[in-house]
C-alpha atoms as a PDB file:
ATOM      1  CA  UNK A   1     -25.997  -2.476  28.143  1.00  0.00           C
ATOM      2  CA  UNK A   2     -27.179  -4.670  25.327  1.00  0.00           C
ATOM      3  CA  UNK A   3     -26.629  -7.943  27.109  1.00  0.00           C
ATOM      4  CA  UNK A   4     -26.771  -9.375  30.615  1.00  0.00           C
ATOM      5  CA  UNK A   5     -23.052  -9.085  31.131  1.00  0.00           C
ATOM      6  CA  UNK A   6     -20.818  -7.042  33.361  1.00  0.00           C
ATOM      7  CA  UNK A   7     -18.763  -4.370  31.648  1.00  0.00           C
ATOM      8  CA  UNK A   8     -15.333  -5.841  30.862  1.00  0.00           C
ATOM      9  CA  UNK A   9     -12.450  -3.974  32.407  1.00  0.00           C
ATOM     10  CA  UNK A  10     -10.864  -3.190  29.061  1.00  0.00           C
ATOM     11  CA  UNK A  11     -13.898  -1.306  27.884  1.00  0.00           C
ATOM     12  CA  UNK A  12     -13.899   1.135  30.769  1.00  0.00           C
ATOM     13  CA  UNK A  13     -10.278   1.614  31.731  1.00  0.00           C
ATOM     14  CA  UNK A  14     -10.138   4.896  29.797  1.00  0.00           C
ATOM     15  CA  UNK A  15     -13.384   6.203  31.301  1.00  0.00           C
ATOM     16  CA  UNK A  16     -12.990   8.336  34.358  1.00  0.00           C
ATOM     17  CA  UNK A  17     -11.205  11.070  36.161  1.00  0.00           C
ATOM     18  CA  UNK A  18      -7.781  11.231  37.748  1.00  0.00           C
ATOM     19  CA  UNK A  19      -7.648   9.049  40.838  1.00  0.00           C
ATOM     20  CA  UNK A  20      -7.442  11.975  43.218  1.00  0.00           C
ATOM     21  CA  UNK A  21     -10.672  13.451  41.781  1.00  0.00           C
ATOM     22  CA  UNK A  22     -12.656  10.276  41.959  1.00  0.00           C
ATOM     23  CA  UNK A  23     -15.590   9.681  44.262  1.00  0.00           C
ATOM     24  CA  UNK A  24     -15.580   5.973  45.075  1.00  0.00           C
ATOM     25  CA  UNK A  25     -18.756   6.164  47.159  1.00  0.00           C
ATOM     26  CA  UNK A  26     -20.703   7.671  44.277  1.00  0.00           C
ATOM     27  CA  UNK A  27     -19.266   5.039  41.951  1.00  0.00           C
ATOM     28  CA  UNK A  28     -20.347   2.253  44.316  1.00  0.00           C
ATOM     29  CA  UNK A  29     -23.876   3.669  44.489  1.00  0.00           C
ATOM     30  CA  UNK A  30     -24.075   3.749  40.691  1.00  0.00           C
ATOM     31  CA  UNK A  31     -22.807   0.170  40.561  1.00  0.00           C
ATOM     32  CA  UNK A  32     -25.529  -0.865  43.012  1.00  0.00           C
ATOM     33  CA  UNK A  33     -28.067   0.679  40.628  1.00  0.00           C
ATOM     34  CA  UNK A  34     -26.500  -1.328  37.806  1.00  0.00           C
ATOM     35  CA  UNK A  35     -26.658  -4.542  39.838  1.00  0.00           C
ATOM     36  CA  UNK A  36     -30.337  -4.070  40.735  1.00  0.00           C
ATOM     37  CA  UNK A  37     -31.551  -3.188  37.231  1.00  0.00           C
ATOM     38  CA  UNK A  38     -29.404  -5.931  35.631  1.00  0.00           C
ATOM     39  CA  UNK A  39     -30.989  -8.458  38.000  1.00  0.00           C
ATOM     40  CA  UNK A  40     -34.464  -7.182  37.131  1.00  0.00           C
ATOM     41  CA  UNK A  41     -33.620  -7.414  33.431  1.00  0.00           C
ATOM     42  CA  UNK A  42     -32.508 -11.038  33.765  1.00  0.00           C
ATOM     43  CA  UNK A  43     -35.683 -12.041  35.610  1.00  0.00           C
ATOM     44  CA  UNK A  44     -37.813 -10.132  33.078  1.00  0.00           C
ATOM     45  CA  UNK A  45     -36.152 -11.933  30.143  1.00  0.00           C
ATOM     46  CA  UNK A  46     -36.893 -15.298  31.777  1.00  0.00           C
ATOM     47  CA  UNK A  47     -40.536 -14.322  32.439  1.00  0.00           C
ATOM     48  CA  UNK A  48     -41.282 -13.194  28.891  1.00  0.00           C
ATOM     49  CA  UNK A  49     -39.414 -16.220  27.509  1.00  0.00           C
ATOM     50  CA  UNK A  50     -42.103 -18.406  29.063  1.00  0.00           C
ATOM     51  CA  UNK A  51     -44.512 -17.119  26.390  1.00  0.00           C
ATOM     52  CA  UNK A  52     -42.265 -16.493  23.357  1.00  0.00           C
ATOM     53  CA  UNK A  53     -38.876 -17.396  21.925  1.00  0.00           C
ATOM     54  CA  UNK A  54     -35.756 -15.520  22.947  1.00  0.00           C
ATOM     55  CA  UNK A  55     -35.221 -14.141  19.412  1.00  0.00           C
ATOM     56  CA  UNK A  56     -38.584 -12.377  19.610  1.00  0.00           C
ATOM     57  CA  UNK A  57     -37.663 -10.946  23.004  1.00  0.00           C
ATOM     58  CA  UNK A  58     -34.505  -9.497  21.441  1.00  0.00           C
ATOM     59  CA  UNK A  59     -36.541  -7.905  18.647  1.00  0.00           C
ATOM     60  CA  UNK A  60     -39.121  -6.349  20.969  1.00  0.00           C
ATOM     61  CA  UNK A  61     -36.400  -5.073  23.269  1.00  0.00           C
ATOM     62  CA  UNK A  62     -34.380  -3.511  20.425  1.00  0.00           C
ATOM     63  CA  UNK A  63     -37.390  -1.869  18.767  1.00  0.00           C
ATOM     64  CA  UNK A  64     -38.554  -0.343  22.043  1.00  0.00           C
ATOM     65  CA  UNK A  65     -35.026   0.915  22.722  1.00  0.00           C
ATOM     66  CA  UNK A  66     -34.874   2.515  19.255  1.00  0.00           C
ATOM     67  CA  UNK A  67     -38.217   4.241  19.831  1.00  0.00           C
ATOM     68  CA  UNK A  68     -37.121   5.554  23.231  1.00  0.00           C
ATOM     69  CA  UNK A  69     -33.716   6.786  22.077  1.00  0.00           C
ATOM     70  CA  UNK A  70     -35.176   8.146  18.847  1.00  0.00           C
ATOM     71  CA  UNK A  71     -37.827  10.106  20.737  1.00  0.00           C
ATOM     72  CA  UNK A  72     -35.183  11.545  23.051  1.00  0.00           C
ATOM     73  CA  UNK A  73     -33.024  12.570  20.090  1.00  0.00           C
ATOM     74  CA  UNK A  74     -35.974  14.226  18.328  1.00  0.00           C
ATOM     75  CA  UNK A  75     -37.050  16.132  21.438  1.00  0.00           C
ATOM     76  CA  UNK A  76     -33.573  17.191  22.641  1.00  0.00           C
ATOM     77  CA  UNK A  77     -31.512  18.999  20.022  1.00  0.00           C
ATOM     78  CA  UNK A  78     -28.258  18.636  22.054  1.00  0.00           C
ATOM     79  CA  UNK A  79     -28.614  14.870  21.697  1.00  0.00           C
ATOM     80  CA  UNK A  80     -29.022  15.185  17.917  1.00  0.00           C
ATOM     81  CA  UNK A  81     -25.730  17.022  17.734  1.00  0.00           C
ATOM     82  CA  UNK A  82     -24.035  14.156  19.562  1.00  0.00           C
ATOM     83  CA  UNK A  83     -24.980  11.606  16.900  1.00  0.00           C
ATOM     84  CA  UNK A  84     -21.965  10.913  14.709  1.00  0.00           C
ATOM     85  CA  UNK A  85     -20.940   7.878  12.676  1.00  0.00           C
ATOM     86  CA  UNK A  86     -17.449   8.593  11.366  1.00  0.00           C
ATOM     87  CA  UNK A  87     -16.400   4.918  11.490  1.00  0.00           C
ATOM     88  CA  UNK A  88     -19.311   3.105   9.817  1.00  0.00           C
ATOM     89  CA  UNK A  89     -17.509  -0.213   9.334  1.00  0.00           C
ATOM     90  CA  UNK A  90     -16.551  -0.369  12.998  1.00  0.00           C
ATOM     91  CA  UNK A  91     -20.138   0.427  13.951  1.00  0.00           C
ATOM     92  CA  UNK A  92     -21.319  -2.437  11.728  1.00  0.00           C
ATOM     93  CA  UNK A  93     -18.843  -4.944  13.157  1.00  0.00           C
ATOM     94  CA  UNK A  94     -19.492  -3.926  16.747  1.00  0.00           C
ATOM     95  CA  UNK A  95     -23.252  -3.892  16.184  1.00  0.00           C
ATOM     96  CA  UNK A  96     -23.145  -7.413  14.739  1.00  0.00           C
ATOM     97  CA  UNK A  97     -21.128  -8.630  17.735  1.00  0.00           C
ATOM     98  CA  UNK A  98     -23.635  -7.036  20.104  1.00  0.00           C
ATOM     99  CA  UNK A  99     -26.505  -8.659  18.207  1.00  0.00           C
ATOM    100  CA  UNK A 100     -24.958 -12.127  18.451  1.00  0.00           C
ATOM    101  CA  UNK A 101     -24.076 -11.567  22.125  1.00  0.00           C
ATOM    102  CA  UNK A 102     -27.635 -10.476  22.865  1.00  0.00           C
ATOM    103  CA  UNK A 103     -29.228 -13.440  21.096  1.00  0.00           C
ATOM    104  CA  UNK A 104     -26.887 -15.904  22.784  1.00  0.00           C
ATOM    105  CA  UNK A 105     -27.371 -14.222  26.156  1.00  0.00           C
ATOM    106  CA  UNK A 106     -31.161 -14.156  26.007  1.00  0.00           C
ATOM    107  CA  UNK A 107     -31.265 -17.773  24.821  1.00  0.00           C
ATOM    108  CA  UNK A 108     -29.062 -18.731  27.773  1.00  0.00           C
ATOM    109  CA  UNK A 109     -31.332 -16.971  30.258  1.00  0.00           C
ATOM    110  CA  UNK A 110     -34.379 -18.668  28.756  1.00  0.00           C
ATOM    111  CA  UNK A 111     -32.979 -22.208  28.851  1.00  0.00           C
ATOM    112  CA  UNK A 112     -30.627 -22.811  31.802  1.00  0.00           C
ATOM    113  CA  UNK A 113     -30.760 -22.009  35.540  1.00  0.00           C
ATOM    114  CA  UNK A 114     -30.296 -18.290  36.075  1.00  0.00           C
ATOM    115  CA  UNK A 115     -27.504 -18.643  38.634  1.00  0.00           C
ATOM    116  CA  UNK A 116     -25.529 -20.823  36.210  1.00  0.00           C
ATOM    117  CA  UNK A 117     -26.093 -18.329  33.392  1.00  0.00           C
ATOM    118  CA  UNK A 118     -24.947 -15.438  35.574  1.00  0.00           C
ATOM    119  CA  UNK A 119     -21.774 -17.246  36.615  1.00  0.00           C
ATOM    120  CA  UNK A 120     -20.862 -17.973  32.994  1.00  0.00           C
ATOM    121  CA  UNK A 121     -21.574 -14.358  32.007  1.00  0.00           C
ATOM    122  CA  UNK A 122     -18.899 -13.344  34.514  1.00  0.00           C
ATOM    123  CA  UNK A 123     -16.285 -14.760  32.117  1.00  0.00           C
ATOM    124  CA  UNK A 124     -16.671 -11.630  29.939  1.00  0.00           C
ATOM    125  CA  UNK A 125     -14.031  -9.592  31.854  1.00  0.00           C
ATOM    126  CA  UNK A 126     -11.617 -12.505  31.466  1.00  0.00           C
ATOM    127  CA  UNK A 127     -12.176 -12.576  27.699  1.00  0.00           C
ATOM    128  CA  UNK A 128     -11.802  -8.779  27.559  1.00  0.00           C
ATOM    129  CA  UNK A 129      -8.443  -8.900  29.319  1.00  0.00           C
ATOM    130  CA  UNK A 130      -7.257 -11.596  26.930  1.00  0.00           C
ATOM    131  CA  UNK A 131      -8.532  -9.753  23.846  1.00  0.00           C
ATOM    132  CA  UNK A 132      -6.744  -6.565  24.916  1.00  0.00           C
ATOM    133  CA  UNK A 133      -3.502  -8.475  24.508  1.00  0.00           C
ATOM    134  CA  UNK A 134      -4.191  -9.086  20.810  1.00  0.00           C
ATOM    135  CA  UNK A 135      -6.327  -6.112  19.759  1.00  0.00           C
ATOM    136  CA  UNK A 136      -4.629  -3.257  21.623  1.00  0.00           C
ATOM    137  CA  UNK A 137      -1.204  -4.863  21.947  1.00  0.00           C
ATOM    138  CA  UNK A 138      -1.288  -4.549  25.719  1.00  0.00           C
ATOM    139  CA  UNK A 139       1.075  -6.587  27.833  1.00  0.00           C
ATOM    140  CA  UNK A 140      -0.040  -8.672  30.790  1.00  0.00           C
ATOM    141  CA  UNK A 141       2.158 -10.241  33.424  1.00  0.00           C
ATOM    142  CA  UNK A 142       2.378 -13.839  34.530  1.00  0.00           C
ATOM    143  CA  UNK A 143       0.085 -13.283  37.512  1.00  0.00           C
ATOM    144  CA  UNK A 144      -2.748 -12.004  35.342  1.00  0.00           C
ATOM    145  CA  UNK A 145      -2.161 -14.825  32.873  1.00  0.00           C
ATOM    146  CA  UNK A 146      -2.578 -17.295  35.735  1.00  0.00           C
ATOM    147  CA  UNK A 147      -5.754 -15.469  36.803  1.00  0.00           C
ATOM    148  CA  UNK A 148      -7.122 -15.834  33.255  1.00  0.00           C
ATOM    149  CA  UNK A 149      -6.286 -19.543  33.248  1.00  0.00           C
ATOM    150  CA  UNK A 150      -7.998 -19.924  36.629  1.00  0.00           C
ATOM    151  CA  UNK A 151     -11.078 -18.191  35.270  1.00  0.00           C
ATOM    152  CA  UNK A 152     -11.311 -20.595  32.367  1.00  0.00           C
ATOM    153  CA  UNK A 153     -10.872 -23.513  34.756  1.00  0.00           C
ATOM    154  CA  UNK A 154     -13.813 -22.149  36.721  1.00  0.00           C
ATOM    155  CA  UNK A 155     -15.867 -22.035  33.524  1.00  0.00           C
ATOM    156  CA  UNK A 156     -14.959 -25.656  32.809  1.00  0.00           C
ATOM    157  CA  UNK A 157     -16.096 -26.602  36.314  1.00  0.00           C
ATOM    158  CA  UNK A 158     -19.520 -25.119  35.540  1.00  0.00           C
ATOM    159  CA  UNK A 159     -19.648 -26.568  32.005  1.00  0.00           C
ATOM    160  CA  UNK A 160     -18.235 -29.943  33.202  1.00  0.00           C
ATOM    161  CA  UNK A 161     -17.476 -31.205  29.660  1.00  0.00           C
ATOM    162  CA  UNK A 162     -17.508 -34.960  29.273  1.00  0.00           C
ATOM    163  CA  UNK A 163     -20.033 -35.431  32.061  1.00  0.00           C
ATOM    164  CA  UNK A 164     -23.549 -35.817  30.726  1.00  0.00           C
ATOM    165  CA  UNK A 165     -25.069 -34.376  27.553  1.00  0.00           C
ATOM    166  CA  UNK A 166     -23.708 -31.037  26.334  1.00  0.00           C
ATOM    167  CA  UNK A 167     -25.951 -28.110  27.253  1.00  0.00           C
ATOM    168  CA  UNK A 168     -26.441 -25.647  24.416  1.00  0.00           C
ATOM    169  CA  UNK A 169     -27.489 -22.902  26.834  1.00  0.00           C
ATOM    170  CA  UNK A 170     -24.130 -23.098  28.636  1.00  0.00           C
ATOM    171  CA  UNK A 171     -22.242 -22.931  25.344  1.00  0.00           C
ATOM    172  CA  UNK A 172     -24.222 -19.868  24.217  1.00  0.00           C
ATOM    173  CA  UNK A 173     -23.394 -18.226  27.557  1.00  0.00           C
ATOM    174  CA  UNK A 174     -19.683 -18.548  26.777  1.00  0.00           C
ATOM    175  CA  UNK A 175     -20.284 -17.410  23.189  1.00  0.00           C
ATOM    176  CA  UNK A 176     -22.244 -14.414  24.429  1.00  0.00           C
ATOM    177  CA  UNK A 177     -19.452 -13.460  26.825  1.00  0.00           C
ATOM    178  CA  UNK A 178     -16.829 -13.717  24.078  1.00  0.00           C
ATOM    179  CA  UNK A 179     -18.846 -11.648  21.578  1.00  0.00           C
ATOM    180  CA  UNK A 180     -19.738  -9.062  24.215  1.00  0.00           C
ATOM    181  CA  UNK A 181     -16.119  -8.744  25.323  1.00  0.00           C
ATOM    182  CA  UNK A 182     -15.076  -8.300  21.681  1.00  0.00           C
ATOM    183  CA  UNK A 183     -17.702  -5.606  21.136  1.00  0.00           C
ATOM    184  CA  UNK A 184     -16.759  -3.696  24.259  1.00  0.00           C
ATOM    185  CA  UNK A 185     -13.075  -3.921  23.407  1.00  0.00           C
ATOM    186  CA  UNK A 186     -13.972  -2.039  20.213  1.00  0.00           C
ATOM    187  CA  UNK A 187     -16.025   0.472  22.224  1.00  0.00           C
ATOM    188  CA  UNK A 188     -12.971   2.386  23.385  1.00  0.00           C
ATOM    189  CA  UNK A 189     -12.109   3.760  19.926  1.00  0.00           C
ATOM    190  CA  UNK A 190     -15.717   4.187  18.808  1.00  0.00           C
ATOM    191  CA  UNK A 191     -16.822   6.023  21.945  1.00  0.00           C
ATOM    192  CA  UNK A 192     -13.857   8.359  21.661  1.00  0.00           C
ATOM    193  CA  UNK A 193     -14.554   9.053  17.976  1.00  0.00           C
ATOM    194  CA  UNK A 194     -18.359   9.253  17.881  1.00  0.00           C
ATOM    195  CA  UNK A 195     -19.494   9.293  21.514  1.00  0.00           C
ATOM    196  CA  UNK A 196     -21.334   6.733  23.652  1.00  0.00           C
ATOM    197  CA  UNK A 197     -24.803   7.698  22.371  1.00  0.00           C
ATOM    198  CA  UNK A 198     -23.883   6.962  18.752  1.00  0.00           C
ATOM    199  CA  UNK A 199     -22.160   3.742  19.773  1.00  0.00           C
ATOM    200  CA  UNK A 200     -25.226   2.534  21.677  1.00  0.00           C
ATOM    201  CA  UNK A 201     -27.732   3.682  19.035  1.00  0.00           C
ATOM    202  CA  UNK A 202     -25.921   1.942  16.178  1.00  0.00           C
ATOM    203  CA  UNK A 203     -25.821  -1.305  18.185  1.00  0.00           C
ATOM    204  CA  UNK A 204     -29.576  -1.438  18.788  1.00  0.00           C
ATOM    205  CA  UNK A 205     -30.357  -0.507  15.172  1.00  0.00           C
ATOM    206  CA  UNK A 206     -28.055  -3.211  13.795  1.00  0.00           C
ATOM    207  CA  UNK A 207     -29.411  -5.732  16.300  1.00  0.00           C
ATOM    208  CA  UNK A 208     -32.943  -4.974  15.082  1.00  0.00           C
ATOM    209  CA  UNK A 209     -32.014  -5.251  11.395  1.00  0.00           C
ATOM    210  CA  UNK A 210     -30.259  -8.590  11.936  1.00  0.00           C
ATOM    211  CA  UNK A 211     -33.079  -9.964  14.090  1.00  0.00           C
ATOM    212  CA  UNK A 212     -35.993  -9.191  11.767  1.00  0.00           C
ATOM    213  CA  UNK A 213     -35.035 -11.900   9.193  1.00  0.00           C
ATOM    214  CA  UNK A 214     -34.496 -14.428  11.998  1.00  0.00           C
ATOM    215  CA  UNK A 215     -37.953 -13.847  13.466  1.00  0.00           C
ATOM    216  CA  UNK A 216     -39.586 -13.557  10.015  1.00  0.00           C
ATOM    217  CA  UNK A 217     -43.333 -14.117  10.116  1.00  0.00           C
ATOM    218  CA  UNK A 218     -43.224 -15.990  13.408  1.00  0.00           C
ATOM    219  CA  UNK A 219     -43.545 -12.881  15.557  1.00  0.00           C
ATOM    220  CA  UNK A 220     -45.769 -13.534  18.562  1.00  0.00           C
ATOM    221  CA  UNK A 221     -47.876 -10.785  20.087  1.00  0.00           C
ATOM    222  CA  UNK A 222     -47.843 -11.311  23.870  1.00  0.00           C
ATOM    223  CA  UNK A 223     -51.245 -12.214  25.271  1.00  0.00           C
ATOM    224  CA  UNK A 224     -50.343 -11.885  28.936  1.00  0.00           C
ATOM    225  CA  UNK A 225     -50.062  -8.509  30.636  1.00  0.00           C
ATOM    226  CA  UNK A 226     -47.045  -9.758  32.602  1.00  0.00           C
ATOM    227  CA  UNK A 227     -45.243 -10.417  29.298  1.00  0.00           C
ATOM    228  CA  UNK A 228     -45.745  -6.837  28.107  1.00  0.00           C
ATOM    229  CA  UNK A 229     -44.569  -5.534  31.464  1.00  0.00           C
ATOM    230  CA  UNK A 230     -41.514  -7.790  31.271  1.00  0.00           C
ATOM    231  CA  UNK A 231     -40.661  -6.646  27.722  1.00  0.00           C
ATOM    232  CA  UNK A 232     -40.857  -2.983  28.711  1.00  0.00           C
ATOM    233  CA  UNK A 233     -38.755  -3.717  31.799  1.00  0.00           C
ATOM    234  CA  UNK A 234     -36.108  -5.408  29.655  1.00  0.00           C
ATOM    235  CA  UNK A 235     -35.840  -2.336  27.416  1.00  0.00           C
ATOM    236  CA  UNK A 236     -35.799   0.201  30.255  1.00  0.00           C
ATOM    237  CA  UNK A 237     -33.464  -1.669  32.585  1.00  0.00           C
ATOM    238  CA  UNK A 238     -30.925  -2.355  29.839  1.00  0.00           C
ATOM    239  CA  UNK A 239     -30.712   1.378  29.092  1.00  0.00           C
ATOM    240  CA  UNK A 240     -30.548   2.360  32.760  1.00  0.00           C
ATOM    241  CA  UNK A 241     -27.846  -0.193  33.344  1.00  0.00           C
ATOM    242  CA  UNK A 242     -25.787   1.219  30.500  1.00  0.00           C
ATOM    243  CA  UNK A 243     -25.913   4.667  32.094  1.00  0.00           C
ATOM    244  CA  UNK A 244     -25.207   3.280  35.570  1.00  0.00           C
ATOM    245  CA  UNK A 245     -22.162   1.341  34.370  1.00  0.00           C
ATOM    246  CA  UNK A 246     -20.681   4.403  32.680  1.00  0.00           C
ATOM    247  CA  UNK A 247     -21.284   6.583  35.733  1.00  0.00           C
ATOM    248  CA  UNK A 248     -19.920   3.951  38.118  1.00  0.00           C
ATOM    249  CA  UNK A 249     -16.643   3.541  36.261  1.00  0.00           C
ATOM    250  CA  UNK A 250     -16.409   7.289  35.690  1.00  0.00           C
ATOM    251  CA  UNK A 251     -16.434   7.970  39.431  1.00  0.00           C
ATOM    252  CA  UNK A 252     -14.697   4.939  40.939  1.00  0.00           C
ATOM    253  CA  UNK A 253     -11.891   2.502  40.251  1.00  0.00           C
ATOM    254  CA  UNK A 254     -12.585  -0.860  38.666  1.00  0.00           C
ATOM    255  CA  UNK A 255     -10.890  -2.711  41.503  1.00  0.00           C
ATOM    256  CA  UNK A 256     -13.333  -1.196  43.998  1.00  0.00           C
ATOM    257  CA  UNK A 257     -16.414  -1.749  41.853  1.00  0.00           C
ATOM    258  CA  UNK A 258     -15.758  -5.378  40.906  1.00  0.00           C
ATOM    259  CA  UNK A 259     -16.844  -6.882  44.271  1.00  0.00           C
ATOM    260  CA  UNK A 260     -20.061  -4.841  44.176  1.00  0.00           C
ATOM    261  CA  UNK A 261     -20.857  -6.080  40.657  1.00  0.00           C
ATOM    262  CA  UNK A 262     -20.870  -9.677  41.870  1.00  0.00           C
ATOM    263  CA  UNK A 263     -23.824  -8.966  44.150  1.00  0.00           C
ATOM    264  CA  UNK A 264     -25.841  -9.618  41.004  1.00  0.00           C
ATOM    265  CA  UNK A 265     -25.277 -13.337  41.500  1.00  0.00           C
ATOM    266  CA  UNK A 266     -26.779 -13.082  45.000  1.00  0.00           C
ATOM    267  CA  UNK A 267     -29.845 -11.136  43.834  1.00  0.00           C
ATOM    268  CA  UNK A 268     -30.470 -13.378  40.834  1.00  0.00           C
ATOM    269  CA  UNK A 269     -29.859 -16.555  42.841  1.00  0.00           C
ATOM    270  CA  UNK A 270     -32.419 -15.548  45.473  1.00  0.00           C
ATOM    271  CA  UNK A 271     -34.944 -14.399  42.850  1.00  0.00           C
ATOM    272  CA  UNK A 272     -34.520 -17.594  40.815  1.00  0.00           C
ATOM    273  CA  UNK A 273     -35.136 -19.692  43.919  1.00  0.00           C
ATOM    274  CA  UNK A 274     -38.229 -17.751  45.000  1.00  0.00           C
ATOM    275  CA  UNK A 275     -39.795 -17.365  41.547  1.00  0.00           C
ATOM    276  CA  UNK A 276     -38.713 -20.486  39.664  1.00  0.00           C
ATOM    277  CA  UNK A 277     -37.621 -22.906  42.392  1.00  0.00           C
ATOM    278  CA  UNK A 278     -34.059 -23.080  41.033  1.00  0.00           C
ATOM    279  CA  UNK A 279     -31.193 -24.146  43.258  1.00  0.00           C
ATOM    280  CA  UNK A 280     -27.579 -23.868  42.055  1.00  0.00           C
ATOM    281  CA  UNK A 281     -25.634 -27.146  42.201  1.00  0.00           C
ATOM    282  CA  UNK A 282     -22.218 -27.456  43.807  1.00  0.00           C
ATOM    283  CA  UNK A 283     -20.401 -27.285  40.453  1.00  0.00           C
ATOM    284  CA  UNK A 284     -21.972 -23.904  39.749  1.00  0.00           C
ATOM    285  CA  UNK A 285     -21.046 -22.611  43.210  1.00  0.00           C
ATOM    286  CA  UNK A 286     -17.465 -23.873  42.932  1.00  0.00           C
ATOM    287  CA  UNK A 287     -17.105 -22.432  39.439  1.00  0.00           C
ATOM    288  CA  UNK A 288     -18.482 -19.115  40.696  1.00  0.00           C
ATOM    289  CA  UNK A 289     -15.861 -18.942  43.442  1.00  0.00           C
ATOM    290  CA  UNK A 290     -13.047 -19.597  40.935  1.00  0.00           C
ATOM    291  CA  UNK A 291     -14.332 -17.217  38.222  1.00  0.00           C
ATOM    292  CA  UNK A 292     -15.144 -14.405  40.649  1.00  0.00           C
ATOM    293  CA  UNK A 293     -11.812 -14.832  42.412  1.00  0.00           C
ATOM    294  CA  UNK A 294      -9.877 -14.599  39.146  1.00  0.00           C
ATOM    295  CA  UNK A 295     -11.754 -11.548  37.875  1.00  0.00           C
ATOM    296  CA  UNK A 296     -11.413  -9.810  41.233  1.00  0.00           C
ATOM    297  CA  UNK A 297      -7.664 -10.384  41.069  1.00  0.00           C
ATOM    298  CA  UNK A 298      -7.531  -9.003  37.513  1.00  0.00           C
ATOM    299  CA  UNK A 299      -9.452  -5.898  38.639  1.00  0.00           C
ATOM    300  CA  UNK A 300      -7.251  -5.324  41.677  1.00  0.00           C
ATOM    301  CA  UNK A 301      -4.079  -5.914  39.652  1.00  0.00           C
ATOM    302  CA  UNK A 302      -5.250  -3.470  36.978  1.00  0.00           C
ATOM    303  CA  UNK A 303      -5.891  -0.788  39.596  1.00  0.00           C
ATOM    304  CA  UNK A 304      -2.490  -1.376  41.237  1.00  0.00           C
ATOM    305  CA  UNK A 305      -0.644  -1.097  37.908  1.00  0.00           C
ATOM    306  CA  UNK A 306      -2.455   2.118  37.019  1.00  0.00           C
ATOM    307  CA  UNK A 307      -1.523   3.665  40.369  1.00  0.00           C
ATOM    308  CA  UNK A 308       2.071   2.570  39.906  1.00  0.00           C
ATOM    309  CA  UNK A 309       2.199   4.082  36.422  1.00  0.00           C
ATOM    310  CA  UNK A 310       0.666   7.326  37.701  1.00  0.00           C
ATOM    311  CA  UNK A 311       3.157   7.572  40.558  1.00  0.00           C
ATOM    312  CA  UNK A 312       6.046   6.993  38.133  1.00  0.00           C
ATOM    313  CA  UNK A 313       4.753   9.713  35.813  1.00  0.00           C
ATOM    314  CA  UNK A 314       4.500  12.165  38.697  1.00  0.00           C
ATOM    315  CA  UNK A 315       8.081  11.436  39.803  1.00  0.00           C
ATOM    316  CA  UNK A 316       9.372  11.883  36.261  1.00  0.00           C
ATOM    317  CA  UNK A 317       7.322  15.002  35.638  1.00  0.00           C
ATOM    318  CA  UNK A 318       5.486  13.436  32.693  1.00  0.00           C
ATOM    319  CA  UNK A 319       1.955  14.508  31.655  1.00  0.00           C
ATOM    320  CA  UNK A 320      -0.790  12.180  32.931  1.00  0.00           C
END
């Protein structure tokens, strides 16, 4: 995935097989892969940010991703046939949202404690659920509305507005989550029309084109070997995570995968403590409990409603 976020529920609810054909164990294993590589990506972004600005990290990451995907497309003719851009304006809008989300996300990782950043990134599924109400005209019940409200309260606990100086890194974390949720809400139609490869490729190309003017002539060539390793890790892990997320939600239900996804906070918290001496404060921990609890409820509620709708269709003899 382009950014350090979890995949919002709305973006993956149409991916998958009928419930009876699903393999939840396989989905959980794929989600564990996603959690591990996403954690590595976050640590790698922080490491390379010690030598250069976050905008340059975004540019290096996007260029490397273009080279890797481009090479794969050139070598494998079946991949070339999968490239299609029938909705160019939607690709442009989604790509711009991904670019902004990536810049905000990488800046957040570079400037605030990693555990705090990760907790705030978990607001993306809450934004996605809310956006589905307006973009796709979906209806949500009072219980999910209360879960959304609780999630935003959890974010406020972490942000603690009015107490101390405002932290730009926290605000960009929320902005990144909102932009990423918006982009992934658009992914449903684009992926169905042009396929996931085209959707991903257009996002990294547009991110690169929008980042080049921002970086300008200030591009820094990393002098440390660890920085080059970190940059390559960022590019590879982001691509692997994208595949892992798709496979996880293709095989298992969102309600089952959501608890596994939150292991990322554990991995990143431990890594941040060991590598950077960071310790999450009590506001971050309390906010994490509230945000994770609300998103877990949304995931479980979504799964329950889908099962109920499926059972009703079976009883009425309607096509699934």
